[in-house]
Amino acid sequence: RALLLSFLALMVTALIQLAVVAVSGSVALLVDTIHNFA
């Protein structure tokens, strides 16, 4: 249960960040997004 809920939370977080990367072009945010997906 902990794995499933934390997986969903991190995926939502990473997807929000990825959307911001697309409009901003920030490499620092891209790096953080990649790591959150991992």
Full PDB file with SEQRES, HELIX, SHEET, SSBOND, CRYST1, ORIGX, SCALE, CONECT and MASTER records, all heavy atoms in Angstrom:
SEQRES   1 A   38  ARG ALA LEU LEU LEU SER PHE LEU ALA LEU MET VAL THR          
SEQRES   2 A   38  ALA LEU ILE GLN LEU ALA VAL VAL ALA VAL SER GLY SER          
SEQRES   3 A   38  VAL ALA LEU LEU VAL ASP THR ILE HIS ASN PHE ALA              
HELIX    1 AA1 ALA A    2  SER A   24  1                                  23    
HELIX    2 AA2 VAL A   27  PHE A   37  1                                  11    
CRYST1    1.000    1.000    1.000  90.00  90.00  90.00 P 1           1          
ORIGX1      1.000000  0.000000  0.000000        0.00000                         
ORIGX2      0.000000  1.000000  0.000000        0.00000                         
ORIGX3      0.000000  0.000000  1.000000        0.00000                         
SCALE1      1.000000  0.000000  0.000000        0.00000                         
SCALE2      0.000000  1.000000  0.000000        0.00000                         
SCALE3      0.000000  0.000000  1.000000        0.00000                         
ATOM      1  N   ARG A   1       0.838  -1.195   0.000  1.00  0.00           N  
ATOM      2  CA  ARG A   1       0.000   0.000   0.000  1.00  0.00           C  
ATOM      3  C   ARG A   1       0.881   1.257   0.000  1.00  0.00           C  
ATOM      4  O   ARG A   1       0.609   2.227  -0.731  1.00  0.00           O  
ATOM      5  CB  ARG A   1      -0.911  -0.034   1.220  1.00  0.00           C  
ATOM      6  CG  ARG A   1      -2.049   0.965   1.201  1.00  0.00           C  
ATOM      7  CD  ARG A   1      -3.162   0.564   2.158  1.00  0.00           C  
ATOM      8  NE  ARG A   1      -2.655   0.261   3.488  1.00  0.00           N  
ATOM      9  CZ  ARG A   1      -2.772  -0.932   4.094  1.00  0.00           C  
ATOM     10  NH1 ARG A   1      -3.369  -1.938   3.467  1.00  0.00           N  
ATOM     11  NH2 ARG A   1      -2.311  -1.125   5.300  1.00  0.00           N  
ATOM     12  N   ALA A   2       1.936   1.236   0.811  1.00  0.00           N  
ATOM     13  CA  ALA A   2       2.857   2.376   0.866  1.00  0.00           C  
ATOM     14  C   ALA A   2       3.542   2.587  -0.480  1.00  0.00           C  
ATOM     15  O   ALA A   2       3.712   3.719  -0.944  1.00  0.00           O  
ATOM     16  CB  ALA A   2       3.898   2.162   1.965  1.00  0.00           C  
ATOM     17  N   LEU A   3       3.948   1.488  -1.118  1.00  0.00           N  
ATOM     18  CA  LEU A   3       4.609   1.590  -2.413  1.00  0.00           C  
ATOM     19  C   LEU A   3       3.674   2.153  -3.473  1.00  0.00           C  
ATOM     20  O   LEU A   3       4.058   3.005  -4.274  1.00  0.00           O  
ATOM     21  CB  LEU A   3       5.131   0.219  -2.844  1.00  0.00           C  
ATOM     22  CG  LEU A   3       6.337  -0.311  -2.071  1.00  0.00           C  
ATOM     23  CD1 LEU A   3       6.600  -1.763  -2.434  1.00  0.00           C  
ATOM     24  CD2 LEU A   3       7.566   0.536  -2.354  1.00  0.00           C  
ATOM     25  N   LEU A   4       2.417   1.669  -3.470  1.00  0.00           N  
ATOM     26  CA  LEU A   4       1.473   2.126  -4.482  1.00  0.00           C  
ATOM     27  C   LEU A   4       1.166   3.620  -4.323  1.00  0.00           C  
ATOM     28  O   LEU A   4       1.233   4.384  -5.294  1.00  0.00           O  
ATOM     29  CB  LEU A   4       0.177   1.324  -4.377  1.00  0.00           C  
ATOM     30  CG  LEU A   4      -0.966   1.780  -5.300  1.00  0.00           C  
ATOM     31  CD1 LEU A   4      -0.536   1.681  -6.761  1.00  0.00           C  
ATOM     32  CD2 LEU A   4      -2.229   0.965  -5.040  1.00  0.00           C  
ATOM     33  N   LEU A   5       0.869   4.030  -3.099  1.00  0.00           N  
ATOM     34  CA  LEU A   5       0.513   5.432  -2.883  1.00  0.00           C  
ATOM     35  C   LEU A   5       1.697   6.361  -3.148  1.00  0.00           C  
ATOM     36  O   LEU A   5       1.533   7.442  -3.727  1.00  0.00           O  
ATOM     37  CB  LEU A   5      -0.015   5.620  -1.462  1.00  0.00           C  
ATOM     38  CG  LEU A   5      -1.359   4.934  -1.160  1.00  0.00           C  
ATOM     39  CD1 LEU A   5      -1.765   5.149   0.283  1.00  0.00           C  
ATOM     40  CD2 LEU A   5      -2.446   5.436  -2.104  1.00  0.00           C  
ATOM     41  N   SER A   6       2.898   5.946  -2.710  1.00  0.00           N  
ATOM     42  CA  SER A   6       4.064   6.800  -2.947  1.00  0.00           C  
ATOM     43  C   SER A   6       4.421   6.835  -4.432  1.00  0.00           C  
ATOM     44  O   SER A   6       4.864   7.864  -4.953  1.00  0.00           O  
ATOM     45  CB  SER A   6       5.259   6.310  -2.115  1.00  0.00           C  
ATOM     46  OG  SER A   6       5.604   4.985  -2.438  1.00  0.00           O  
ATOM     47  N   PHE A   7       4.212   5.713  -5.140  1.00  0.00           N  
ATOM     48  CA  PHE A   7       4.436   5.686  -6.586  1.00  0.00           C  
ATOM     49  C   PHE A   7       3.524   6.694  -7.283  1.00  0.00           C  
ATOM     50  O   PHE A   7       3.965   7.490  -8.122  1.00  0.00           O  
ATOM     51  CB  PHE A   7       4.176   4.283  -7.122  1.00  0.00           C  
ATOM     52  CG  PHE A   7       4.136   4.187  -8.623  1.00  0.00           C  
ATOM     53  CD1 PHE A   7       5.306   4.152  -9.367  1.00  0.00           C  
ATOM     54  CD2 PHE A   7       2.921   4.124  -9.300  1.00  0.00           C  
ATOM     55  CE1 PHE A   7       5.270   4.073 -10.756  1.00  0.00           C  
ATOM     56  CE2 PHE A   7       2.872   4.043 -10.675  1.00  0.00           C  
ATOM     57  CZ  PHE A   7       4.050   4.018 -11.410  1.00  0.00           C  
ATOM     58  N   LEU A   8       2.241   6.680  -6.921  1.00  0.00           N  
ATOM     59  CA  LEU A   8       1.290   7.605  -7.532  1.00  0.00           C  
ATOM     60  C   LEU A   8       1.648   9.058  -7.211  1.00  0.00           C  
ATOM     61  O   LEU A   8       1.582   9.937  -8.089  1.00  0.00           O  
ATOM     62  CB  LEU A   8      -0.124   7.290  -7.052  1.00  0.00           C  
ATOM     63  CG  LEU A   8      -0.702   5.947  -7.526  1.00  0.00           C  
ATOM     64  CD1 LEU A   8      -2.059   5.696  -6.877  1.00  0.00           C  
ATOM     65  CD2 LEU A   8      -0.812   5.907  -9.048  1.00  0.00           C  
ATOM     66  N   ALA A   9       2.047   9.318  -5.959  1.00  0.00           N  
ATOM     67  CA  ALA A   9       2.391  10.683  -5.559  1.00  0.00           C  
ATOM     68  C   ALA A   9       3.591  11.199  -6.339  1.00  0.00           C  
ATOM     69  O   ALA A   9       3.604  12.347  -6.821  1.00  0.00           O  
ATOM     70  CB  ALA A   9       2.660  10.743  -4.058  1.00  0.00           C  
ATOM     71  N   LEU A  10       4.626  10.367  -6.489  1.00  0.00           N  
ATOM     72  CA  LEU A  10       5.816  10.809  -7.210  1.00  0.00           C  
ATOM     73  C   LEU A  10       5.554  10.957  -8.711  1.00  0.00           C  
ATOM     74  O   LEU A  10       6.116  11.840  -9.360  1.00  0.00           O  
ATOM     75  CB  LEU A  10       6.961   9.814  -6.969  1.00  0.00           C  
ATOM     76  CG  LEU A  10       7.646   9.910  -5.602  1.00  0.00           C  
ATOM     77  CD1 LEU A  10       8.698   8.824  -5.455  1.00  0.00           C  
ATOM     78  CD2 LEU A  10       8.280  11.283  -5.399  1.00  0.00           C  
ATOM     79  N   MET A  11       4.711  10.084  -9.252  1.00  0.00           N  
ATOM     80  CA  MET A  11       4.386  10.209 -10.679  1.00  0.00           C  
ATOM     81  C   MET A  11       3.632  11.509 -10.948  1.00  0.00           C  
ATOM     82  O   MET A  11       3.907  12.209 -11.936  1.00  0.00           O  
ATOM     83  CB  MET A  11       3.554   9.003 -11.129  1.00  0.00           C  
ATOM     84  CG  MET A  11       4.355   7.724 -11.288  1.00  0.00           C  
ATOM     85  SD  MET A  11       5.657   7.845 -12.555  1.00  0.00           S  
ATOM     86  CE  MET A  11       4.664   7.905 -14.039  1.00  0.00           C  
ATOM     87  N   VAL A  12       2.671  11.841 -10.080  1.00  0.00           N  
ATOM     88  CA  VAL A  12       1.943  13.105 -10.245  1.00  0.00           C  
ATOM     89  C   VAL A  12       2.906  14.279 -10.122  1.00  0.00           C  
ATOM     90  O   VAL A  12       2.859  15.230 -10.925  1.00  0.00           O  
ATOM     91  CB  VAL A  12       0.816  13.206  -9.194  1.00  0.00           C  
ATOM     92  CG1 VAL A  12       0.224  14.616  -9.185  1.00  0.00           C  
ATOM     93  CG2 VAL A  12      -0.279  12.183  -9.490  1.00  0.00           C  
ATOM     94  N   THR A  13       3.799  14.215  -9.142  1.00  0.00           N  
ATOM     95  CA  THR A  13       4.787  15.283  -8.959  1.00  0.00           C  
ATOM     96  C   THR A  13       5.654  15.443 -10.202  1.00  0.00           C  
ATOM     97  O   THR A  13       5.873  16.561 -10.702  1.00  0.00           O  
ATOM     98  CB  THR A  13       5.683  14.975  -7.750  1.00  0.00           C  
ATOM     99  OG1 THR A  13       4.882  14.914  -6.564  1.00  0.00           O  
ATOM    100  CG2 THR A  13       6.764  16.032  -7.580  1.00  0.00           C  
ATOM    101  N   ALA A  14       6.163  14.314 -10.724  1.00  0.00           N  
ATOM    102  CA  ALA A  14       7.042  14.356 -11.895  1.00  0.00           C  
ATOM    103  C   ALA A  14       6.299  14.854 -13.128  1.00  0.00           C  
ATOM    104  O   ALA A  14       6.863  15.600 -13.950  1.00  0.00           O  
ATOM    105  CB  ALA A  14       7.635  12.972 -12.149  1.00  0.00           C  
ATOM    106  N   LEU A  15       5.047  14.458 -13.303  1.00  0.00           N  
ATOM    107  CA  LEU A  15       4.277  14.899 -14.471  1.00  0.00           C  
ATOM    108  C   LEU A  15       4.016  16.405 -14.412  1.00  0.00           C  
ATOM    109  O   LEU A  15       4.067  17.092 -15.444  1.00  0.00           O  
ATOM    110  CB  LEU A  15       2.961  14.123 -14.541  1.00  0.00           C  
ATOM    111  CG  LEU A  15       3.088  12.649 -14.962  1.00  0.00           C  
ATOM    112  CD1 LEU A  15       1.754  11.931 -14.809  1.00  0.00           C  
ATOM    113  CD2 LEU A  15       3.599  12.540 -16.400  1.00  0.00           C  
ATOM    114  N   ILE A  16       3.728  16.941 -13.226  1.00  0.00           N  
ATOM    115  CA  ILE A  16       3.554  18.390 -13.083  1.00  0.00           C  
ATOM    116  C   ILE A  16       4.845  19.112 -13.448  1.00  0.00           C  
ATOM    117  O   ILE A  16       4.844  20.113 -14.189  1.00  0.00           O  
ATOM    118  CB  ILE A  16       3.136  18.737 -11.637  1.00  0.00           C  
ATOM    119  CG1 ILE A  16       1.719  18.218 -11.352  1.00  0.00           C  
ATOM    120  CG2 ILE A  16       3.198  20.250 -11.401  1.00  0.00           C  
ATOM    121  CD1 ILE A  16       1.303  18.380  -9.902  1.00  0.00           C  
ATOM    122  N   GLN A  17       5.971  18.573 -12.946  1.00  0.00           N  
ATOM    123  CA  GLN A  17       7.257  19.199 -13.259  1.00  0.00           C  
ATOM    124  C   GLN A  17       7.568  19.105 -14.756  1.00  0.00           C  
ATOM    125  O   GLN A  17       8.117  20.041 -15.340  1.00  0.00           O  
ATOM    126  CB  GLN A  17       8.364  18.532 -12.446  1.00  0.00           C  
ATOM    127  CG  GLN A  17       8.312  18.847 -10.957  1.00  0.00           C  
ATOM    128  CD  GLN A  17       9.471  18.225 -10.210  1.00  0.00           C  
ATOM    129  OE1 GLN A  17       9.788  17.050 -10.389  1.00  0.00           O  
ATOM    130  NE2 GLN A  17      10.107  19.013  -9.359  1.00  0.00           N  
ATOM    131  N   LEU A  18       7.244  17.959 -15.367  1.00  0.00           N  
ATOM    132  CA  LEU A  18       7.519  17.789 -16.796  1.00  0.00           C  
ATOM    133  C   LEU A  18       6.753  18.805 -17.635  1.00  0.00           C  
ATOM    134  O   LEU A  18       7.280  19.343 -18.621  1.00  0.00           O  
ATOM    135  CB  LEU A  18       7.138  16.372 -17.220  1.00  0.00           C  
ATOM    136  CG  LEU A  18       7.474  15.983 -18.666  1.00  0.00           C  
ATOM    137  CD1 LEU A  18       8.983  16.058 -18.895  1.00  0.00           C  
ATOM    138  CD2 LEU A  18       6.958  14.578 -18.975  1.00  0.00           C  
ATOM    139  N   ALA A  19       5.520  19.084 -17.235  1.00  0.00           N  
ATOM    140  CA  ALA A  19       4.728  20.091 -17.950  1.00  0.00           C  
ATOM    141  C   ALA A  19       5.392  21.458 -17.842  1.00  0.00           C  
ATOM    142  O   ALA A  19       5.417  22.227 -18.824  1.00  0.00           O  
ATOM    143  CB  ALA A  19       3.307  20.139 -17.379  1.00  0.00           C  
ATOM    144  N   VAL A  20       5.938  21.786 -16.690  1.00  0.00           N  
ATOM    145  CA  VAL A  20       6.616  23.067 -16.511  1.00  0.00           C  
ATOM    146  C   VAL A  20       7.906  23.109 -17.323  1.00  0.00           C  
ATOM    147  O   VAL A  20       8.269  24.147 -17.892  1.00  0.00           O  
ATOM    148  CB  VAL A  20       6.888  23.330 -15.016  1.00  0.00           C  
ATOM    149  CG1 VAL A  20       7.665  24.619 -14.827  1.00  0.00           C  
ATOM    150  CG2 VAL A  20       5.583  23.373 -14.233  1.00  0.00           C  
ATOM    151  N   VAL A  21       8.633  21.972 -17.393  1.00  0.00           N  
ATOM    152  CA  VAL A  21       9.853  21.902 -18.200  1.00  0.00           C  
ATOM    153  C   VAL A  21       9.533  22.232 -19.658  1.00  0.00           C  
ATOM    154  O   VAL A  21      10.277  22.951 -20.343  1.00  0.00           O  
ATOM    155  CB  VAL A  21      10.490  20.498 -18.106  1.00  0.00           C  
ATOM    156  CG1 VAL A  21      11.582  20.334 -19.163  1.00  0.00           C  
ATOM    157  CG2 VAL A  21      11.081  20.284 -16.727  1.00  0.00           C  
ATOM    158  N   ALA A  22       8.410  21.718 -20.139  1.00  0.00           N  
ATOM    159  CA  ALA A  22       8.027  21.920 -21.538  1.00  0.00           C  
ATOM    160  C   ALA A  22       7.822  23.392 -21.870  1.00  0.00           C  
ATOM    161  O   ALA A  22       8.116  23.839 -22.993  1.00  0.00           O  
ATOM    162  CB  ALA A  22       6.765  21.127 -21.847  1.00  0.00           C  
ATOM    163  N   VAL A  23       7.324  24.169 -20.912  1.00  0.00           N  
ATOM    164  CA  VAL A  23       7.047  25.585 -21.195  1.00  0.00           C  
ATOM    165  C   VAL A  23       8.180  26.509 -20.765  1.00  0.00           C  
ATOM    166  O   VAL A  23       8.253  27.662 -21.207  1.00  0.00           O  
ATOM    167  CB  VAL A  23       5.731  26.044 -20.506  1.00  0.00           C  
ATOM    168  CG1 VAL A  23       4.563  25.231 -21.022  1.00  0.00           C  
ATOM    169  CG2 VAL A  23       5.837  25.955 -18.996  1.00  0.00           C  
ATOM    170  N   SER A  24       9.081  26.017 -19.906  1.00  0.00           N  
ATOM    171  CA  SER A  24      10.130  26.893 -19.373  1.00  0.00           C  
ATOM    172  C   SER A  24      11.506  26.614 -19.946  1.00  0.00           C  
ATOM    173  O   SER A  24      12.326  27.524 -20.091  1.00  0.00           O  
ATOM    174  CB  SER A  24      10.196  26.756 -17.845  1.00  0.00           C  
ATOM    175  OG  SER A  24      10.683  25.475 -17.473  1.00  0.00           O  
ATOM    176  N   GLY A  25      11.808  25.343 -20.245  1.00  0.00           N  
ATOM    177  CA  GLY A  25      13.129  24.978 -20.731  1.00  0.00           C  
ATOM    178  C   GLY A  25      14.185  24.908 -19.653  1.00  0.00           C  
ATOM    179  O   GLY A  25      15.383  24.895 -19.956  1.00  0.00           O  
ATOM    180  N   SER A  26      13.813  24.812 -18.380  1.00  0.00           N  
ATOM    181  CA  SER A  26      14.785  24.771 -17.278  1.00  0.00           C  
ATOM    182  C   SER A  26      15.463  23.411 -17.211  1.00  0.00           C  
ATOM    183  O   SER A  26      14.807  22.378 -17.042  1.00  0.00           O  
ATOM    184  CB  SER A  26      14.083  25.061 -15.945  1.00  0.00           C  
ATOM    185  OG  SER A  26      14.948  24.784 -14.861  1.00  0.00           O  
ATOM    186  N   VAL A  27      16.795  23.388 -17.330  1.00  0.00           N  
ATOM    187  CA  VAL A  27      17.525  22.124 -17.257  1.00  0.00           C  
ATOM    188  C   VAL A  27      17.592  21.617 -15.820  1.00  0.00           C  
ATOM    189  O   VAL A  27      17.581  20.408 -15.568  1.00  0.00           O  
ATOM    190  CB  VAL A  27      18.942  22.269 -17.852  1.00  0.00           C  
ATOM    191  CG1 VAL A  27      19.819  23.152 -16.981  1.00  0.00           C  
ATOM    192  CG2 VAL A  27      19.595  20.900 -18.022  1.00  0.00           C  
ATOM    193  N   ALA A  28      17.671  22.540 -14.849  1.00  0.00           N  
ATOM    194  CA  ALA A  28      17.687  22.111 -13.452  1.00  0.00           C  
ATOM    195  C   ALA A  28      16.390  21.379 -13.107  1.00  0.00           C  
ATOM    196  O   ALA A  28      16.397  20.340 -12.449  1.00  0.00           O  
ATOM    197  CB  ALA A  28      17.883  23.306 -12.520  1.00  0.00           C  
ATOM    198  N   LEU A  29      15.280  21.943 -13.589  1.00  0.00           N  
ATOM    199  CA  LEU A  29      14.000  21.295 -13.330  1.00  0.00           C  
ATOM    200  C   LEU A  29      13.900  19.984 -14.100  1.00  0.00           C  
ATOM    201  O   LEU A  29      13.330  19.000 -13.593  1.00  0.00           O  
ATOM    202  CB  LEU A  29      12.856  22.227 -13.730  1.00  0.00           C  
ATOM    203  CG  LEU A  29      11.442  21.718 -13.432  1.00  0.00           C  
ATOM    204  CD1 LEU A  29      11.279  21.425 -11.943  1.00  0.00           C  
ATOM    205  CD2 LEU A  29      10.396  22.730 -13.889  1.00  0.00           C  
ATOM    206  N   LEU A  30      14.450  19.926 -15.318  1.00  0.00           N  
ATOM    207  CA  LEU A  30      14.441  18.684 -16.093  1.00  0.00           C  
ATOM    208  C   LEU A  30      15.205  17.589 -15.361  1.00  0.00           C  
ATOM    209  O   LEU A  30      14.749  16.440 -15.279  1.00  0.00           O  
ATOM    210  CB  LEU A  30      15.054  18.918 -17.471  1.00  0.00           C  
ATOM    211  CG  LEU A  30      15.197  17.669 -18.354  1.00  0.00           C  
ATOM    212  CD1 LEU A  30      13.839  17.040 -18.614  1.00  0.00           C  
ATOM    213  CD2 LEU A  30      15.896  18.016 -19.662  1.00  0.00           C  
ATOM    214  N   VAL A  31      16.374  17.947 -14.825  1.00  0.00           N  
ATOM    215  CA  VAL A  31      17.173  16.982 -14.072  1.00  0.00           C  
ATOM    216  C   VAL A  31      16.380  16.448 -12.877  1.00  0.00           C  
ATOM    217  O   VAL A  31      16.337  15.237 -12.616  1.00  0.00           O  
ATOM    218  CB  VAL A  31      18.498  17.624 -13.596  1.00  0.00           C  
ATOM    219  CG1 VAL A  31      19.201  16.718 -12.586  1.00  0.00           C  
ATOM    220  CG2 VAL A  31      19.413  17.890 -14.782  1.00  0.00           C  
ATOM    221  N   ASP A  32      15.738  17.362 -12.151  1.00  0.00           N  
ATOM    222  CA  ASP A  32      14.952  16.950 -10.990  1.00  0.00           C  
ATOM    223  C   ASP A  32      13.767  16.087 -11.412  1.00  0.00           C  
ATOM    224  O   ASP A  32      13.410  15.116 -10.738  1.00  0.00           O  
ATOM    225  CB  ASP A  32      14.471  18.188 -10.237  1.00  0.00           C  
ATOM    226  CG  ASP A  32      13.950  17.852  -8.847  1.00  0.00           C  
ATOM    227  OD1 ASP A  32      14.630  17.089  -8.131  1.00  0.00           O  
ATOM    228  OD2 ASP A  32      12.873  18.339  -8.485  1.00  0.00           O  
ATOM    229  N   THR A  33      13.156  16.422 -12.542  1.00  0.00           N  
ATOM    230  CA  THR A  33      12.018  15.649 -13.044  1.00  0.00           C  
ATOM    231  C   THR A  33      12.438  14.235 -13.402  1.00  0.00           C  
ATOM    232  O   THR A  33      11.749  13.253 -13.076  1.00  0.00           O  
ATOM    233  CB  THR A  33      11.406  16.348 -14.270  1.00  0.00           C  
ATOM    234  OG1 THR A  33      11.007  17.668 -13.919  1.00  0.00           O  
ATOM    235  CG2 THR A  33      10.208  15.572 -14.794  1.00  0.00           C  
ATOM    236  N   ILE A  34      13.563  14.119 -14.098  1.00  0.00           N  
ATOM    237  CA  ILE A  34      14.078  12.794 -14.461  1.00  0.00           C  
ATOM    238  C   ILE A  34      14.297  11.949 -13.219  1.00  0.00           C  
ATOM    239  O   ILE A  34      13.929  10.763 -13.163  1.00  0.00           O  
ATOM    240  CB  ILE A  34      15.397  12.922 -15.256  1.00  0.00           C  
ATOM    241  CG1 ILE A  34      15.133  13.534 -16.639  1.00  0.00           C  
ATOM    242  CG2 ILE A  34      16.076  11.562 -15.403  1.00  0.00           C  
ATOM    243  CD1 ILE A  34      16.397  13.898 -17.393  1.00  0.00           C  
ATOM    244  N   HIS A  35      14.891  12.579 -12.205  1.00  0.00           N  
ATOM    245  CA  HIS A  35      15.173  11.826 -10.990  1.00  0.00           C  
ATOM    246  C   HIS A  35      13.889  11.429 -10.267  1.00  0.00           C  
ATOM    247  O   HIS A  35      13.796  10.337  -9.697  1.00  0.00           O  
ATOM    248  CB  HIS A  35      16.077  12.647 -10.068  1.00  0.00           C  
ATOM    249  CG  HIS A  35      16.749  11.825  -9.023  1.00  0.00           C  
ATOM    250  ND1 HIS A  35      17.389  10.638  -9.302  1.00  0.00           N  
ATOM    251  CD2 HIS A  35      16.872  12.001  -7.684  1.00  0.00           C  
ATOM    252  CE1 HIS A  35      17.877  10.133  -8.189  1.00  0.00           C  
ATOM    253  NE2 HIS A  35      17.571  10.934  -7.194  1.00  0.00           N  
ATOM    254  N   ASN A  36      12.883  12.281 -10.293  1.00  0.00           N  
ATOM    255  CA  ASN A  36      11.616  11.930  -9.654  1.00  0.00           C  
ATOM    256  C   ASN A  36      10.916  10.786 -10.370  1.00  0.00           C  
ATOM    257  O   ASN A  36      10.294   9.926  -9.737  1.00  0.00           O  
ATOM    258  CB  ASN A  36      10.696  13.161  -9.588  1.00  0.00           C  
ATOM    259  CG  ASN A  36      11.056  14.078  -8.436  1.00  0.00           C  
ATOM    260  OD1 ASN A  36      11.551  13.633  -7.404  1.00  0.00           O  
ATOM    261  ND2 ASN A  36      10.833  15.377  -8.611  1.00  0.00           N  
ATOM    262  N   PHE A  37      11.009  10.761 -11.706  1.00  0.00           N  
ATOM    263  CA  PHE A  37      10.468   9.614 -12.437  1.00  0.00           C  
ATOM    264  C   PHE A  37      11.193   8.327 -12.032  1.00  0.00           C  
ATOM    265  O   PHE A  37      10.572   7.282 -11.831  1.00  0.00           O  
ATOM    266  CB  PHE A  37      10.610   9.827 -13.954  1.00  0.00           C  
ATOM    267  CG  PHE A  37       9.459  10.555 -14.580  1.00  0.00           C  
ATOM    268  CD1 PHE A  37       9.649  11.756 -15.231  1.00  0.00           C  
ATOM    269  CD2 PHE A  37       8.165  10.032 -14.523  1.00  0.00           C  
ATOM    270  CE1 PHE A  37       8.582  12.430 -15.813  1.00  0.00           C  
ATOM    271  CE2 PHE A  37       7.097  10.694 -15.098  1.00  0.00           C  
ATOM    272  CZ  PHE A  37       7.309  11.905 -15.755  1.00  0.00           C  
ATOM    273  N   ALA A  38      12.529   8.411 -11.928  1.00  0.00           N  
ATOM    274  CA  ALA A  38      13.308   7.236 -11.522  1.00  0.00           C  
ATOM    275  C   ALA A  38      12.929   6.793 -10.115  1.00  0.00           C  
ATOM    276  O   ALA A  38      12.819   5.592  -9.836  1.00  0.00           O  
ATOM    277  CB  ALA A  38      14.801   7.549 -11.591  1.00  0.00           C  
TER     278      ALA A  38                                                      
MASTER        0    0    0    2    0    0    0    6  277    1    0    3          
END                                                                             
